[in-house]
Structure formats: C-alpha cells, structure tokens
Amino acid sequence: AVYNNFQKINRIKDHLTINQKFMFTKVLFYGDFESFSRTVDDLDQLPDMDAAMQYLEKQSVNWDRESREFHEFMEMVEKRFASS
C-alpha cells in the first residue's frame, strides 16, 4: 500500500485544537474569530479541493503565504479533501 501521510478528515472544524484556532484567528484572520469560523464552516461544506482553492483565493487576499500558520491551515484543508 502507498503510504498516505494524510488521514482524511470529514470536517476541519472537528480537528482544530484550541491552539490552532487561536493561532489561525490571530495570524490569518487578524483576530476576527467570526471570520475564521465562517471560513472553516464554508470550507467544510465544499465538495472538493478545487472548490476550496477557489474559495480561498477570494478569502485569503492578505495572508502571509510564507507563514507557518498558513501552511498548517492549508494542511488541514488538504486533509479535508484528501481522496481517501
């Protein structure tokens, strides 16, 4: 079997630690928890990675794509839409 390091998750929301919520809100959403929550809820409703990427293109205008938080957030998104 091919080693798949991504365990698929059904909802990003259910897999965020308190720490991650705080970190993502602070760094990616400029402290706006409402906006963070809405984004995660919206992502969890989407059908696939393409839809997620299109959605994030609109949302993430000012995100620091070099940041650890950005990469960690994107990893959650990838896990959500992993093919199995």
PDB file of N, CA and C in Angstrom:
ATOM      1  N   ALA A   1       0.839  -1.197   0.000  1.00  0.00           N
ATOM      2  CA  ALA A   1       0.000   0.000   0.000  1.00  0.00           C
ATOM      3  C   ALA A   1       0.878   1.254   0.000  1.00  0.00           C
ATOM      4  N   VAL A   2       0.414   2.248  -0.681  1.00  0.00           N
ATOM      5  CA  VAL A   2       1.136   3.514  -0.716  1.00  0.00           C
ATOM      6  C   VAL A   2       0.923   4.199   0.629  1.00  0.00           C
ATOM      7  N   TYR A   3       1.994   4.674   1.206  1.00  0.00           N
ATOM      8  CA  TYR A   3       1.880   5.363   2.486  1.00  0.00           C
ATOM      9  C   TYR A   3       1.228   6.713   2.277  1.00  0.00           C
ATOM     10  N   ASN A   4       0.073   6.889   2.867  1.00  0.00           N
ATOM     11  CA  ASN A   4      -0.598   8.185   2.765  1.00  0.00           C
ATOM     12  C   ASN A   4      -0.526   8.883   4.104  1.00  0.00           C
ATOM     13  N   ASN A   5       0.260   9.910   4.157  1.00  0.00           N
ATOM     14  CA  ASN A   5       0.511  10.598   5.410  1.00  0.00           C
ATOM     15  C   ASN A   5      -0.683  11.464   5.796  1.00  0.00           C
ATOM     16  N   PHE A   6      -1.605  11.668   4.856  1.00  0.00           N
ATOM     17  CA  PHE A   6      -2.810  12.434   5.174  1.00  0.00           C
ATOM     18  C   PHE A   6      -3.967  11.523   5.541  1.00  0.00           C
ATOM     19  N   GLN A   7      -4.389  11.620   6.777  1.00  0.00           N
ATOM     20  CA  GLN A   7      -5.599  10.929   7.209  1.00  0.00           C
ATOM     21  C   GLN A   7      -6.739  11.848   6.816  1.00  0.00           C
ATOM     22  N   LYS A   8      -7.654  11.367   5.976  1.00  0.00           N
ATOM     23  CA  LYS A   8      -8.771  12.214   5.563  1.00  0.00           C
ATOM     24  C   LYS A   8      -9.621  12.577   6.772  1.00  0.00           C
ATOM     25  N   ILE A   9     -10.059  13.822   6.833  1.00  0.00           N
ATOM     26  CA  ILE A   9     -10.955  14.249   7.906  1.00  0.00           C
ATOM     27  C   ILE A   9     -12.260  14.732   7.270  1.00  0.00           C
ATOM     28  N   ASN A  10     -13.356  14.580   7.989  1.00  0.00           N
ATOM     29  CA  ASN A  10     -14.653  14.976   7.425  1.00  0.00           C
ATOM     30  C   ASN A  10     -14.953  16.448   7.605  1.00  0.00           C
ATOM     31  N   ARG A  11     -14.543  16.970   8.744  1.00  0.00           N
ATOM     32  CA  ARG A  11     -14.761  18.391   8.992  1.00  0.00           C
ATOM     33  C   ARG A  11     -13.527  18.997   9.629  1.00  0.00           C
ATOM     34  N   ILE A  12     -13.055  20.060   9.035  1.00  0.00           N
ATOM     35  CA  ILE A  12     -11.895  20.771   9.584  1.00  0.00           C
ATOM     36  C   ILE A  12     -12.216  21.190  11.014  1.00  0.00           C
ATOM     37  N   LYS A  13     -13.432  21.698  11.158  1.00  0.00           N
ATOM     38  CA  LYS A  13     -13.901  22.228  12.442  1.00  0.00           C
ATOM     39  C   LYS A  13     -13.672  21.264  13.604  1.00  0.00           C
ATOM     40  N   ASP A  14     -13.885  19.964  13.349  1.00  0.00           N
ATOM     41  CA  ASP A  14     -13.767  18.962  14.413  1.00  0.00           C
ATOM     42  C   ASP A  14     -12.326  18.606  14.747  1.00  0.00           C
ATOM     43  N   HIS A  15     -11.382  19.068  13.941  1.00  0.00           N
ATOM     44  CA  HIS A  15      -9.998  18.648  14.110  1.00  0.00           C
ATOM     45  C   HIS A  15      -9.050  19.780  14.485  1.00  0.00           C
ATOM     46  N   LEU A  16      -9.597  20.939  14.794  1.00  0.00           N
ATOM     47  CA  LEU A  16      -8.753  22.070  15.183  1.00  0.00           C
ATOM     48  C   LEU A  16      -8.536  22.063  16.691  1.00  0.00           C
ATOM     49  N   THR A  17      -7.306  22.219  17.095  1.00  0.00           N
ATOM     50  CA  THR A  17      -7.030  22.359  18.519  1.00  0.00           C
ATOM     51  C   THR A  17      -7.337  23.806  18.929  1.00  0.00           C
ATOM     52  N   ILE A  18      -7.507  24.016  20.213  1.00  0.00           N
ATOM     53  CA  ILE A  18      -7.719  25.363  20.749  1.00  0.00           C
ATOM     54  C   ILE A  18      -6.578  26.270  20.282  1.00  0.00           C
ATOM     55  N   ASN A  19      -5.386  25.718  20.364  1.00  0.00           N
ATOM     56  CA  ASN A  19      -4.187  26.433  19.953  1.00  0.00           C
ATOM     57  C   ASN A  19      -4.234  26.876  18.494  1.00  0.00           C
ATOM     58  N   GLN A  20      -4.636  25.953  17.614  1.00  0.00           N
ATOM     59  CA  GLN A  20      -4.730  26.269  16.191  1.00  0.00           C
ATOM     60  C   GLN A  20      -5.787  27.339  15.945  1.00  0.00           C
ATOM     61  N   LYS A  21      -6.936  27.203  16.599  1.00  0.00           N
ATOM     62  CA  LYS A  21      -7.996  28.203  16.426  1.00  0.00           C
ATOM     63  C   LYS A  21      -7.465  29.592  16.768  1.00  0.00           C
ATOM     64  N   PHE A  22      -6.773  29.661  17.892  1.00  0.00           N
ATOM     65  CA  PHE A  22      -6.223  30.933  18.353  1.00  0.00           C
ATOM     66  C   PHE A  22      -5.196  31.472  17.352  1.00  0.00           C
ATOM     67  N   MET A  23      -4.285  30.594  16.955  1.00  0.00           N
ATOM     68  CA  MET A  23      -3.192  30.948  16.056  1.00  0.00           C
ATOM     69  C   MET A  23      -3.713  31.389  14.682  1.00  0.00           C
ATOM     70  N   PHE A  24      -4.611  30.611  14.101  1.00  0.00           N
ATOM     71  CA  PHE A  24      -5.153  30.948  12.784  1.00  0.00           C
ATOM     72  C   PHE A  24      -5.941  32.253  12.839  1.00  0.00           C
ATOM     73  N   THR A  25      -6.750  32.392  13.892  1.00  0.00           N
ATOM     74  CA  THR A  25      -7.538  33.614  14.041  1.00  0.00           C
ATOM     75  C   THR A  25      -6.626  34.824  14.124  1.00  0.00           C
ATOM     76  N   LYS A  26      -5.597  34.717  14.964  1.00  0.00           N
ATOM     77  CA  LYS A  26      -4.694  35.832  15.200  1.00  0.00           C
ATOM     78  C   LYS A  26      -3.888  36.187  13.947  1.00  0.00           C
ATOM     79  N   VAL A  27      -3.276  35.184  13.317  1.00  0.00           N
ATOM     80  CA  VAL A  27      -2.343  35.449  12.227  1.00  0.00           C
ATOM     81  C   VAL A  27      -3.039  35.602  10.868  1.00  0.00           C
ATOM     82  N   LEU A  28      -3.976  34.714  10.552  1.00  0.00           N
ATOM     83  CA  LEU A  28      -4.580  34.728   9.213  1.00  0.00           C
ATOM     84  C   LEU A  28      -5.831  35.599   9.136  1.00  0.00           C
ATOM     85  N   PHE A  29      -6.530  35.728  10.260  1.00  0.00           N
ATOM     86  CA  PHE A  29      -7.796  36.477  10.235  1.00  0.00           C
ATOM     87  C   PHE A  29      -7.736  37.752  11.076  1.00  0.00           C
ATOM     88  N   TYR A  30      -6.516  38.184  11.383  1.00  0.00           N
ATOM     89  CA  TYR A  30      -6.319  39.450  12.118  1.00  0.00           C
ATOM     90  C   TYR A  30      -7.188  39.564  13.362  1.00  0.00           C
ATOM     91  N   GLY A  31      -7.333  38.456  14.064  1.00  0.00           N
ATOM     92  CA  GLY A  31      -8.065  38.480  15.324  1.00  0.00           C
ATOM     93  C   GLY A  31      -9.569  38.395  15.175  1.00  0.00           C
ATOM     94  N   ASP A  32     -10.067  38.240  13.963  1.00  0.00           N
ATOM     95  CA  ASP A  32     -11.515  38.188  13.730  1.00  0.00           C
ATOM     96  C   ASP A  32     -12.011  36.746  13.773  1.00  0.00           C
ATOM     97  N   PHE A  33     -12.436  36.316  14.975  1.00  0.00           N
ATOM     98  CA  PHE A  33     -12.847  34.915  15.157  1.00  0.00           C
ATOM     99  C   PHE A  33     -14.087  34.566  14.334  1.00  0.00           C
ATOM    100  N   GLU A  34     -15.008  35.526  14.216  1.00  0.00           N
ATOM    101  CA  GLU A  34     -16.216  35.318  13.386  1.00  0.00           C
ATOM    102  C   GLU A  34     -15.832  34.927  11.970  1.00  0.00           C
ATOM    103  N   SER A  35     -14.932  35.690  11.405  1.00  0.00           N
ATOM    104  CA  SER A  35     -14.476  35.481  10.046  1.00  0.00           C
ATOM    105  C   SER A  35     -13.787  34.118   9.903  1.00  0.00           C
ATOM    106  N   PHE A  36     -12.959  33.784  10.874  1.00  0.00           N
ATOM    107  CA  PHE A  36     -12.292  32.482  10.893  1.00  0.00           C
ATOM    108  C   PHE A  36     -13.316  31.351  10.924  1.00  0.00           C
ATOM    109  N   SER A  37     -14.277  31.435  11.832  1.00  0.00           N
ATOM    110  CA  SER A  37     -15.299  30.388  11.979  1.00  0.00           C
ATOM    111  C   SER A  37     -16.113  30.221  10.712  1.00  0.00           C
ATOM    112  N   ARG A  38     -16.492  31.348  10.120  1.00  0.00           N
ATOM    113  CA  ARG A  38     -17.286  31.317   8.887  1.00  0.00           C
ATOM    114  C   ARG A  38     -16.502  30.637   7.765  1.00  0.00           C
ATOM    115  N   THR A  39     -15.228  30.977   7.663  1.00  0.00           N
ATOM    116  CA  THR A  39     -14.385  30.385   6.622  1.00  0.00           C
ATOM    117  C   THR A  39     -14.290  28.869   6.786  1.00  0.00           C
ATOM    118  N   VAL A  40     -14.062  28.411   8.009  1.00  0.00           N
ATOM    119  CA  VAL A  40     -13.962  26.973   8.268  1.00  0.00           C
ATOM    120  C   VAL A  40     -15.296  26.286   7.971  1.00  0.00           C
ATOM    121  N   ASP A  41     -16.401  26.887   8.404  1.00  0.00           N
ATOM    122  CA  ASP A  41     -17.724  26.319   8.117  1.00  0.00           C
ATOM    123  C   ASP A  41     -17.958  26.228   6.613  1.00  0.00           C
ATOM    124  N   ASP A  42     -17.617  27.298   5.906  1.00  0.00           N
ATOM    125  CA  ASP A  42     -17.792  27.320   4.449  1.00  0.00           C
ATOM    126  C   ASP A  42     -16.946  26.239   3.789  1.00  0.00           C
ATOM    127  N   LEU A  43     -15.700  26.127   4.196  1.00  0.00           N
ATOM    128  CA  LEU A  43     -14.803  25.113   3.616  1.00  0.00           C
ATOM    129  C   LEU A  43     -15.362  23.709   3.846  1.00  0.00           C
ATOM    130  N   ASP A  44     -15.899  23.482   5.026  1.00  0.00           N
ATOM    131  CA  ASP A  44     -16.427  22.156   5.345  1.00  0.00           C
ATOM    132  C   ASP A  44     -17.629  21.776   4.483  1.00  0.00           C
ATOM    133  N   GLN A  45     -18.282  22.766   3.888  1.00  0.00           N
ATOM    134  CA  GLN A  45     -19.444  22.499   3.020  1.00  0.00           C
ATOM    135  C   GLN A  45     -19.059  22.207   1.570  1.00  0.00           C
ATOM    136  N   LEU A  46     -17.839  22.550   1.196  1.00  0.00           N
ATOM    137  CA  LEU A  46     -17.456  22.459  -0.210  1.00  0.00           C
ATOM    138  C   LEU A  46     -17.199  21.019  -0.663  1.00  0.00           C
ATOM    139  N   PRO A  47     -17.388  20.756  -1.968  1.00  0.00           N
ATOM    140  CA  PRO A  47     -17.293  19.387  -2.489  1.00  0.00           C
ATOM    141  C   PRO A  47     -15.872  18.863  -2.712  1.00  0.00           C
ATOM    142  N   ASP A  48     -14.936  19.732  -3.049  1.00  0.00           N
ATOM    143  CA  ASP A  48     -13.598  19.232  -3.378  1.00  0.00           C
ATOM    144  C   ASP A  48     -12.526  20.303  -3.239  1.00  0.00           C
ATOM    145  N   MET A  49     -11.289  19.884  -3.455  1.00  0.00           N
ATOM    146  CA  MET A  49     -10.133  20.759  -3.273  1.00  0.00           C
ATOM    147  C   MET A  49     -10.175  21.947  -4.237  1.00  0.00           C
ATOM    148  N   ASP A  50     -10.622  21.718  -5.478  1.00  0.00           N
ATOM    149  CA  ASP A  50     -10.706  22.824  -6.444  1.00  0.00           C
ATOM    150  C   ASP A  50     -11.628  23.922  -5.931  1.00  0.00           C
ATOM    151  N   ALA A  51     -12.778  23.516  -5.443  1.00  0.00           N
ATOM    152  CA  ALA A  51     -13.739  24.481  -4.893  1.00  0.00           C
ATOM    153  C   ALA A  51     -13.127  25.201  -3.694  1.00  0.00           C
ATOM    154  N   ALA A  52     -12.424  24.462  -2.867  1.00  0.00           N
ATOM    155  CA  ALA A  52     -11.784  25.043  -1.685  1.00  0.00           C
ATOM    156  C   ALA A  52     -10.735  26.079  -2.091  1.00  0.00           C
ATOM    157  N   MET A  53      -9.942  25.736  -3.110  1.00  0.00           N
ATOM    158  CA  MET A  53      -8.901  26.661  -3.552  1.00  0.00           C
ATOM    159  C   MET A  53      -9.511  27.936  -4.139  1.00  0.00           C
ATOM    160  N   GLN A  54     -10.580  27.783  -4.898  1.00  0.00           N
ATOM    161  CA  GLN A  54     -11.257  28.960  -5.458  1.00  0.00           C
ATOM    162  C   GLN A  54     -11.815  29.835  -4.348  1.00  0.00           C
ATOM    163  N   TYR A  55     -12.430  29.190  -3.366  1.00  0.00           N
ATOM    164  CA  TYR A  55     -12.979  29.916  -2.232  1.00  0.00           C
ATOM    165  C   TYR A  55     -11.864  30.673  -1.497  1.00  0.00           C
ATOM    166  N   LEU A  56     -10.752  29.991  -1.265  1.00  0.00           N
ATOM    167  CA  LEU A  56      -9.649  30.607  -0.531  1.00  0.00           C
ATOM    168  C   LEU A  56      -8.981  31.726  -1.318  1.00  0.00           C
ATOM    169  N   GLU A  57      -8.965  31.611  -2.640  1.00  0.00           N
ATOM    170  CA  GLU A  57      -8.423  32.707  -3.458  1.00  0.00           C
ATOM    171  C   GLU A  57      -9.137  34.008  -3.114  1.00  0.00           C
ATOM    172  N   LYS A  58     -10.453  33.925  -2.952  1.00  0.00           N
ATOM    173  CA  LYS A  58     -11.246  35.116  -2.633  1.00  0.00           C
ATOM    174  C   LYS A  58     -11.015  35.576  -1.195  1.00  0.00           C
ATOM    175  N   GLN A  59     -10.877  34.601  -0.287  1.00  0.00           N
ATOM    176  CA  GLN A  59     -10.788  34.912   1.138  1.00  0.00           C
ATOM    177  C   GLN A  59      -9.427  35.416   1.590  1.00  0.00           C
ATOM    178  N   SER A  60      -8.409  34.792   1.048  1.00  0.00           N
ATOM    179  CA  SER A  60      -7.081  34.898   1.678  1.00  0.00           C
ATOM    180  C   SER A  60      -6.198  35.964   1.050  1.00  0.00           C
ATOM    181  N   VAL A  61      -6.813  37.032   0.607  1.00  0.00           N
ATOM    182  CA  VAL A  61      -6.088  38.082  -0.096  1.00  0.00           C
ATOM    183  C   VAL A  61      -4.800  38.511   0.608  1.00  0.00           C
ATOM    184  N   ASN A  62      -4.880  38.731   1.917  1.00  0.00           N
ATOM    185  CA  ASN A  62      -3.715  39.283   2.616  1.00  0.00           C
ATOM    186  C   ASN A  62      -2.943  38.285   3.460  1.00  0.00           C
ATOM    187  N   TRP A  63      -3.163  37.007   3.230  1.00  0.00           N
ATOM    188  CA  TRP A  63      -2.468  36.034   4.053  1.00  0.00           C
ATOM    189  C   TRP A  63      -0.987  35.982   3.716  1.00  0.00           C
ATOM    190  N   ASP A  64      -0.197  35.806   4.747  1.00  0.00           N
ATOM    191  CA  ASP A  64       1.237  35.631   4.564  1.00  0.00           C
ATOM    192  C   ASP A  64       1.486  34.166   4.209  1.00  0.00           C
ATOM    193  N   ARG A  65       1.692  33.924   2.929  1.00  0.00           N
ATOM    194  CA  ARG A  65       1.821  32.550   2.445  1.00  0.00           C
ATOM    195  C   ARG A  65       3.129  31.883   2.860  1.00  0.00           C
ATOM    196  N   GLU A  66       4.020  32.652   3.456  1.00  0.00           N
ATOM    197  CA  GLU A  66       5.272  32.071   3.951  1.00  0.00           C
ATOM    198  C   GLU A  66       5.113  31.619   5.403  1.00  0.00           C
ATOM    199  N   SER A  67       4.038  32.028   6.032  1.00  0.00           N
ATOM    200  CA  SER A  67       3.915  31.778   7.472  1.00  0.00           C
ATOM    201  C   SER A  67       3.613  30.318   7.776  1.00  0.00           C
ATOM    202  N   ARG A  68       4.068  29.912   8.943  1.00  0.00           N
ATOM    203  CA  ARG A  68       3.818  28.557   9.433  1.00  0.00           C
ATOM    204  C   ARG A  68       2.310  28.331   9.569  1.00  0.00           C
ATOM    205  N   GLU A  69       1.614  29.367   9.998  1.00  0.00           N
ATOM    206  CA  GLU A  69       0.164  29.265  10.186  1.00  0.00           C
ATOM    207  C   GLU A  69      -0.550  28.999   8.870  1.00  0.00           C
ATOM    208  N   PHE A  70      -0.125  29.693   7.834  1.00  0.00           N
ATOM    209  CA  PHE A  70      -0.717  29.483   6.512  1.00  0.00           C
ATOM    210  C   PHE A  70      -0.528  28.030   6.080  1.00  0.00           C
ATOM    211  N   HIS A  71       0.692  27.525   6.232  1.00  0.00           N
ATOM    212  CA  HIS A  71       0.981  26.155   5.802  1.00  0.00           C
ATOM    213  C   HIS A  71       0.207  25.136   6.622  1.00  0.00           C
ATOM    214  N   GLU A  72       0.087  25.390   7.904  1.00  0.00           N
ATOM    215  CA  GLU A  72      -0.653  24.489   8.776  1.00  0.00           C
ATOM    216  C   GLU A  72      -2.149  24.512   8.427  1.00  0.00           C
ATOM    217  N   PHE A  73      -2.658  25.694   8.141  1.00  0.00           N
ATOM    218  CA  PHE A  73      -4.068  25.823   7.765  1.00  0.00           C
ATOM    219  C   PHE A  73      -4.329  25.073   6.456  1.00  0.00           C
ATOM    220  N   MET A  74      -3.449  25.255   5.484  1.00  0.00           N
ATOM    221  CA  MET A  74      -3.604  24.590   4.189  1.00  0.00           C
ATOM    222  C   MET A  74      -3.500  23.078   4.317  1.00  0.00           C
ATOM    223  N   GLU A  75      -2.696  22.633   5.260  1.00  0.00           N
ATOM    224  CA  GLU A  75      -2.582  21.196   5.504  1.00  0.00           C
ATOM    225  C   GLU A  75      -3.919  20.636   5.988  1.00  0.00           C
ATOM    226  N   MET A  76      -4.613  21.383   6.852  1.00  0.00           N
ATOM    227  CA  MET A  76      -5.940  20.966   7.312  1.00  0.00           C
ATOM    228  C   MET A  76      -6.903  20.871   6.133  1.00  0.00           C
ATOM    229  N   VAL A  77      -6.834  21.864   5.266  1.00  0.00           N
ATOM    230  CA  VAL A  77      -7.709  21.890   4.081  1.00  0.00           C
ATOM    231  C   VAL A  77      -7.411  20.673   3.202  1.00  0.00           C
ATOM    232  N   GLU A  78      -6.132  20.386   3.007  1.00  0.00           N
ATOM    233  CA  GLU A  78      -5.751  19.225   2.189  1.00  0.00           C
ATOM    234  C   GLU A  78      -6.252  17.928   2.798  1.00  0.00           C
ATOM    235  N   LYS A  79      -6.181  17.814   4.116  1.00  0.00           N
ATOM    236  CA  LYS A  79      -6.675  16.608   4.781  1.00  0.00           C
ATOM    237  C   LYS A  79      -8.173  16.462   4.590  1.00  0.00           C
ATOM    238  N   ARG A  80      -8.869  17.605   4.643  1.00  0.00           N
ATOM    239  CA  ARG A  80     -10.321  17.584   4.483  1.00  0.00           C
ATOM    240  C   ARG A  80     -10.708  17.033   3.109  1.00  0.00           C
ATOM    241  N   PHE A  81      -9.926  17.368   2.088  1.00  0.00           N
ATOM    242  CA  PHE A  81     -10.282  16.969   0.727  1.00  0.00           C
ATOM    243  C   PHE A  81      -9.397  15.859   0.155  1.00  0.00           C
ATOM    244  N   ALA A  82      -8.636  15.193   1.037  1.00  0.00           N
ATOM    245  CA  ALA A  82      -7.819  14.061   0.590  1.00  0.00           C
ATOM    246  C   ALA A  82      -8.750  13.020  -0.029  1.00  0.00           C
ATOM    247  N   SER A  83      -8.238  12.288  -1.013  1.00  0.00           N
ATOM    248  CA  SER A  83      -9.163  11.406  -1.733  1.00  0.00           C
ATOM    249  C   SER A  83      -9.585  10.170  -0.950  1.00  0.00           C
ATOM    250  N   SER A  84      -8.887   9.870   0.144  1.00  0.00           N
ATOM    251  CA  SER A  84      -9.397   8.761   0.974  1.00  0.00           C
ATOM    252  C   SER A  84      -8.805   8.808   2.360  1.00  0.00           C
TER     253      SER A  84
END
